[in-house]
Amino acid sequence: MVNLNPSRGTEPGKIRPAVVIQTNLLNQVAHPSTLICPITTQLSGEENILHVRVDTSTTGLDQESEILVDQIRGLDNQRFIEKLGRLSPSKTLELHQKLQAILDY
């Protein structure tokens, strides 16, 4: 859970779940900020390159949600509230593939 307030324009705001997407190398050296993708409970109608649908099984989420792949954001580590859970290996792979596609790397 992270605090994304205040938001601007199309940025997701409020306190919400997010997925950490940066390398563990930065996590291990006490880097002061962290790259994330926010998560929403507003589900899109169909599969698309901008979202990864996740369920409640291992994530610690209360309801089915979607990772907003196109809303990558760097946060100060003080914005983190608590850890909820983990993505399954298949959802982690899907997220990596979609990040590669939108970042063109």
N, C-alpha and C. Protein backbone atom coordinates (compact mmCIF):
# COMPACT_ATOMS: atom_id res chain seq x y z
N MET A 1 0.85 -1.17 0.00
CA MET A 1 0.00 0.00 0.00
C MET A 1 0.89 1.24 0.00
N VAL A 2 0.51 2.20 -0.83
CA VAL A 2 1.27 3.45 -0.94
C VAL A 2 0.31 4.63 -0.90
N ASN A 3 0.82 5.77 -0.50
CA ASN A 3 0.04 6.99 -0.48
C ASN A 3 0.42 7.80 -1.72
N LEU A 4 -0.49 7.92 -2.69
CA LEU A 4 -0.21 8.62 -3.94
C LEU A 4 -0.78 10.03 -3.96
N ASN A 5 -1.18 10.55 -2.82
CA ASN A 5 -1.69 11.92 -2.76
C ASN A 5 -0.53 12.90 -2.64
N PRO A 6 -0.60 14.06 -3.24
CA PRO A 6 -1.67 14.50 -4.14
C PRO A 6 -1.44 13.99 -5.56
N SER A 7 -2.51 13.84 -6.30
CA SER A 7 -2.39 13.42 -7.70
C SER A 7 -2.58 14.63 -8.60
N ARG A 8 -2.15 14.49 -9.85
CA ARG A 8 -2.31 15.54 -10.86
C ARG A 8 -2.84 14.91 -12.14
N GLY A 9 -3.78 15.58 -12.79
CA GLY A 9 -4.28 15.13 -14.09
C GLY A 9 -4.80 13.70 -14.06
N THR A 10 -4.24 12.85 -14.91
CA THR A 10 -4.70 11.46 -15.01
C THR A 10 -4.00 10.52 -14.04
N GLU A 11 -3.13 11.04 -13.18
CA GLU A 11 -2.42 10.18 -12.22
C GLU A 11 -3.40 9.59 -11.21
N PRO A 12 -3.26 8.31 -10.90
CA PRO A 12 -4.06 7.75 -9.82
C PRO A 12 -3.62 8.37 -8.49
N GLY A 13 -4.58 8.64 -7.63
CA GLY A 13 -4.27 9.22 -6.33
C GLY A 13 -4.73 8.31 -5.21
N LYS A 14 -4.79 8.82 -4.05
CA LYS A 14 -5.24 8.23 -2.80
C LYS A 14 -4.33 7.10 -2.33
N ILE A 15 -4.68 6.50 -1.24
CA ILE A 15 -3.94 5.34 -0.73
C ILE A 15 -4.43 4.12 -1.48
N ARG A 16 -3.50 3.41 -2.09
CA ARG A 16 -3.86 2.26 -2.93
C ARG A 16 -2.72 1.26 -3.00
N PRO A 17 -3.02 0.05 -3.43
CA PRO A 17 -1.94 -0.93 -3.63
C PRO A 17 -1.10 -0.56 -4.86
N ALA A 18 0.13 -1.06 -4.87
CA ALA A 18 1.03 -0.84 -6.00
C ALA A 18 1.99 -2.02 -6.08
N VAL A 19 2.60 -2.19 -7.25
CA VAL A 19 3.61 -3.23 -7.46
C VAL A 19 4.96 -2.55 -7.63
N VAL A 20 5.95 -2.98 -6.87
CA VAL A 20 7.32 -2.49 -7.02
C VAL A 20 7.90 -3.12 -8.27
N ILE A 21 8.45 -2.28 -9.17
CA ILE A 21 8.95 -2.79 -10.44
C ILE A 21 10.45 -2.58 -10.62
N GLN A 22 11.12 -1.98 -9.66
CA GLN A 22 12.56 -1.75 -9.83
C GLN A 22 13.37 -2.98 -9.43
N THR A 23 14.60 -2.99 -9.87
CA THR A 23 15.51 -4.09 -9.58
C THR A 23 15.80 -4.18 -8.08
N ASN A 24 16.04 -5.38 -7.60
CA ASN A 24 16.39 -5.57 -6.20
C ASN A 24 17.74 -4.94 -5.86
N LEU A 25 18.57 -4.69 -6.87
CA LEU A 25 19.85 -4.02 -6.61
C LEU A 25 19.62 -2.67 -5.92
N LEU A 26 18.63 -1.92 -6.38
CA LEU A 26 18.32 -0.63 -5.74
C LEU A 26 17.71 -0.82 -4.36
N ASN A 27 16.92 -1.87 -4.20
CA ASN A 27 16.31 -2.13 -2.89
C ASN A 27 17.37 -2.47 -1.86
N GLN A 28 18.43 -3.14 -2.27
CA GLN A 28 19.47 -3.61 -1.35
C GLN A 28 20.45 -2.52 -0.93
N VAL A 29 20.50 -1.41 -1.65
CA VAL A 29 21.45 -0.34 -1.31
C VAL A 29 20.76 0.85 -0.64
N ALA A 30 19.57 0.64 -0.13
CA ALA A 30 18.82 1.68 0.58
C ALA A 30 18.60 2.91 -0.28
N HIS A 31 18.26 2.69 -1.54
CA HIS A 31 17.92 3.79 -2.45
C HIS A 31 16.70 4.53 -1.88
N PRO A 32 16.66 5.85 -1.88
CA PRO A 32 15.59 6.59 -1.20
C PRO A 32 14.24 6.62 -1.91
N SER A 33 14.20 6.11 -3.14
CA SER A 33 12.92 6.08 -3.86
C SER A 33 12.75 4.73 -4.54
N THR A 34 11.52 4.46 -4.96
CA THR A 34 11.18 3.16 -5.53
C THR A 34 10.25 3.35 -6.72
N LEU A 35 10.50 2.60 -7.81
CA LEU A 35 9.62 2.63 -8.97
C LEU A 35 8.45 1.67 -8.77
N ILE A 36 7.24 2.15 -9.04
CA ILE A 36 6.04 1.32 -8.85
C ILE A 36 5.09 1.46 -10.04
N CYS A 37 4.16 0.52 -10.13
CA CYS A 37 2.96 0.64 -10.96
C CYS A 37 1.78 0.56 -9.99
N PRO A 38 0.89 1.55 -10.00
CA PRO A 38 -0.28 1.51 -9.12
C PRO A 38 -1.26 0.42 -9.55
N ILE A 39 -2.14 0.06 -8.63
CA ILE A 39 -3.16 -0.96 -8.87
C ILE A 39 -4.54 -0.33 -8.66
N THR A 40 -5.50 -0.70 -9.51
CA THR A 40 -6.86 -0.19 -9.40
C THR A 40 -7.86 -1.34 -9.33
N THR A 41 -9.00 -1.08 -8.72
CA THR A 41 -10.08 -2.06 -8.71
C THR A 41 -11.06 -1.81 -9.85
N GLN A 42 -10.86 -0.73 -10.60
CA GLN A 42 -11.70 -0.44 -11.76
C GLN A 42 -11.20 -1.26 -12.94
N LEU A 43 -11.89 -2.34 -13.22
CA LEU A 43 -11.44 -3.30 -14.24
C LEU A 43 -11.81 -2.83 -15.63
N SER A 44 -10.87 -3.01 -16.57
CA SER A 44 -11.15 -2.70 -17.98
C SER A 44 -11.97 -3.84 -18.56
N GLY A 45 -12.62 -3.57 -19.65
CA GLY A 45 -13.52 -4.54 -20.24
C GLY A 45 -12.85 -5.75 -20.86
N GLU A 46 -11.63 -5.57 -21.33
CA GLU A 46 -10.96 -6.68 -22.02
C GLU A 46 -9.46 -6.61 -21.80
N GLU A 47 -8.77 -7.68 -22.13
CA GLU A 47 -7.32 -7.76 -22.02
C GLU A 47 -6.67 -6.68 -22.88
N ASN A 48 -5.67 -5.99 -22.35
CA ASN A 48 -4.95 -5.01 -23.15
C ASN A 48 -3.52 -4.85 -22.64
N ILE A 49 -2.71 -4.16 -23.41
CA ILE A 49 -1.28 -4.05 -23.12
C ILE A 49 -1.01 -3.14 -21.91
N LEU A 50 -1.98 -2.33 -21.50
CA LEU A 50 -1.75 -1.36 -20.44
C LEU A 50 -2.09 -1.86 -19.04
N HIS A 51 -2.74 -3.03 -18.94
CA HIS A 51 -3.18 -3.55 -17.64
C HIS A 51 -2.82 -5.02 -17.48
N VAL A 52 -2.56 -5.41 -16.23
CA VAL A 52 -2.39 -6.82 -15.88
C VAL A 52 -3.43 -7.13 -14.81
N ARG A 53 -4.34 -8.03 -15.10
CA ARG A 53 -5.38 -8.39 -14.13
C ARG A 53 -4.80 -9.35 -13.10
N VAL A 54 -5.08 -9.07 -11.82
CA VAL A 54 -4.60 -9.91 -10.73
C VAL A 54 -5.75 -10.26 -9.80
N ASP A 55 -5.67 -11.45 -9.22
CA ASP A 55 -6.73 -11.88 -8.29
C ASP A 55 -6.25 -11.76 -6.86
N THR A 56 -7.00 -12.31 -5.95
CA THR A 56 -6.72 -12.16 -4.53
C THR A 56 -5.89 -13.29 -3.94
N SER A 57 -5.56 -14.31 -4.72
CA SER A 57 -4.96 -15.53 -4.17
C SER A 57 -3.65 -15.32 -3.42
N THR A 58 -2.69 -14.61 -4.00
CA THR A 58 -1.40 -14.41 -3.33
C THR A 58 -1.07 -12.94 -3.13
N THR A 59 -1.88 -12.07 -3.68
CA THR A 59 -1.54 -10.65 -3.70
C THR A 59 -1.86 -9.91 -2.41
N GLY A 60 -2.75 -10.46 -1.60
CA GLY A 60 -3.18 -9.75 -0.40
C GLY A 60 -4.25 -8.71 -0.69
N LEU A 61 -4.71 -8.66 -1.94
CA LEU A 61 -5.76 -7.71 -2.31
C LEU A 61 -7.13 -8.22 -1.87
N ASP A 62 -8.05 -7.30 -1.62
CA ASP A 62 -9.40 -7.66 -1.20
C ASP A 62 -10.29 -8.07 -2.36
N GLN A 63 -9.97 -7.58 -3.56
CA GLN A 63 -10.79 -7.91 -4.73
C GLN A 63 -9.94 -7.93 -5.99
N GLU A 64 -10.48 -8.54 -7.04
CA GLU A 64 -9.79 -8.60 -8.32
C GLU A 64 -9.45 -7.17 -8.75
N SER A 65 -8.25 -6.99 -9.28
CA SER A 65 -7.75 -5.65 -9.60
C SER A 65 -6.90 -5.70 -10.86
N GLU A 66 -6.42 -4.52 -11.27
CA GLU A 66 -5.53 -4.44 -12.42
C GLU A 66 -4.34 -3.55 -12.11
N ILE A 67 -3.16 -4.02 -12.53
CA ILE A 67 -1.95 -3.22 -12.44
C ILE A 67 -1.96 -2.25 -13.61
N LEU A 68 -1.75 -0.97 -13.33
CA LEU A 68 -1.74 0.07 -14.37
C LEU A 68 -0.32 0.22 -14.90
N VAL A 69 -0.01 -0.56 -15.93
CA VAL A 69 1.34 -0.65 -16.47
C VAL A 69 1.82 0.69 -17.03
N ASP A 70 0.91 1.50 -17.53
CA ASP A 70 1.28 2.78 -18.15
C ASP A 70 1.39 3.93 -17.15
N GLN A 71 1.25 3.64 -15.85
CA GLN A 71 1.31 4.70 -14.83
C GLN A 71 2.54 4.53 -13.93
N ILE A 72 3.67 4.15 -14.53
CA ILE A 72 4.92 3.97 -13.79
C ILE A 72 5.25 5.28 -13.07
N ARG A 73 5.68 5.13 -11.82
CA ARG A 73 5.95 6.32 -11.01
C ARG A 73 7.06 6.02 -10.01
N GLY A 74 7.91 7.01 -9.79
CA GLY A 74 8.92 6.92 -8.74
C GLY A 74 8.38 7.55 -7.48
N LEU A 75 8.49 6.84 -6.35
CA LEU A 75 7.98 7.33 -5.08
C LEU A 75 9.08 7.41 -4.03
N ASP A 76 9.02 8.42 -3.19
CA ASP A 76 9.87 8.45 -2.01
C ASP A 76 9.46 7.28 -1.13
N ASN A 77 10.40 6.59 -0.53
CA ASN A 77 10.09 5.41 0.27
C ASN A 77 9.21 5.70 1.47
N GLN A 78 9.11 6.96 1.88
CA GLN A 78 8.23 7.32 2.99
C GLN A 78 6.75 7.21 2.63
N ARG A 79 6.43 7.07 1.34
CA ARG A 79 5.04 6.93 0.91
C ARG A 79 4.51 5.50 1.08
N PHE A 80 5.41 4.55 1.37
CA PHE A 80 4.98 3.17 1.55
C PHE A 80 4.35 2.98 2.92
N ILE A 81 3.22 2.26 2.94
CA ILE A 81 2.48 2.05 4.18
C ILE A 81 2.65 0.63 4.69
N GLU A 82 2.40 -0.37 3.84
CA GLU A 82 2.55 -1.77 4.25
C GLU A 82 2.69 -2.67 3.03
N LYS A 83 3.27 -3.85 3.24
CA LYS A 83 3.37 -4.86 2.19
C LYS A 83 2.16 -5.78 2.29
N LEU A 84 1.53 -6.04 1.14
CA LEU A 84 0.33 -6.89 1.13
C LEU A 84 0.61 -8.32 0.72
N GLY A 85 1.38 -8.54 -0.33
CA GLY A 85 1.59 -9.90 -0.84
C GLY A 85 2.54 -9.89 -2.01
N ARG A 86 2.43 -10.92 -2.85
CA ARG A 86 3.32 -11.08 -4.00
C ARG A 86 2.50 -11.43 -5.24
N LEU A 87 3.07 -11.11 -6.39
CA LEU A 87 2.48 -11.56 -7.66
C LEU A 87 2.90 -13.01 -7.90
N SER A 88 2.04 -13.76 -8.56
CA SER A 88 2.42 -15.11 -8.96
C SER A 88 3.50 -15.02 -10.03
N PRO A 89 4.28 -16.08 -10.24
CA PRO A 89 5.31 -16.05 -11.30
C PRO A 89 4.72 -15.74 -12.67
N SER A 90 3.53 -16.26 -12.97
CA SER A 90 2.95 -16.00 -14.30
C SER A 90 2.54 -14.54 -14.45
N LYS A 91 2.03 -13.92 -13.40
CA LYS A 91 1.64 -12.50 -13.46
C LYS A 91 2.87 -11.61 -13.48
N THR A 92 3.94 -12.03 -12.80
CA THR A 92 5.20 -11.28 -12.84
C THR A 92 5.75 -11.28 -14.26
N LEU A 93 5.72 -12.43 -14.92
CA LEU A 93 6.18 -12.52 -16.31
C LEU A 93 5.32 -11.65 -17.22
N GLU A 94 4.01 -11.71 -17.06
CA GLU A 94 3.11 -10.88 -17.87
C GLU A 94 3.41 -9.40 -17.67
N LEU A 95 3.62 -8.98 -16.42
CA LEU A 95 3.95 -7.58 -16.14
C LEU A 95 5.27 -7.20 -16.82
N HIS A 96 6.29 -8.03 -16.72
CA HIS A 96 7.58 -7.75 -17.35
C HIS A 96 7.42 -7.59 -18.86
N GLN A 97 6.65 -8.48 -19.49
CA GLN A 97 6.45 -8.42 -20.94
C GLN A 97 5.74 -7.14 -21.34
N LYS A 98 4.74 -6.73 -20.57
CA LYS A 98 4.00 -5.51 -20.91
C LYS A 98 4.84 -4.27 -20.65
N LEU A 99 5.66 -4.28 -19.61
CA LEU A 99 6.58 -3.16 -19.39
C LEU A 99 7.57 -3.04 -20.54
N GLN A 100 8.10 -4.16 -20.99
CA GLN A 100 9.03 -4.14 -22.13
C GLN A 100 8.35 -3.58 -23.37
N ALA A 101 7.10 -3.96 -23.59
CA ALA A 101 6.38 -3.50 -24.78
C ALA A 101 6.14 -1.99 -24.75
N ILE A 102 5.68 -1.46 -23.60
CA ILE A 102 5.38 -0.03 -23.59
C ILE A 102 6.63 0.84 -23.48
N LEU A 103 7.71 0.28 -22.93
CA LEU A 103 8.96 1.05 -22.82
C LEU A 103 9.85 0.83 -24.03
N ASP A 104 9.49 -0.11 -24.91
CA ASP A 104 10.21 -0.40 -26.14
C ASP A 104 11.67 -0.76 -25.87
N TYR A 105 11.89 -1.68 -24.90
CA TYR A 105 13.26 -2.16 -24.64
C TYR A 105 13.33 -3.65 -24.67
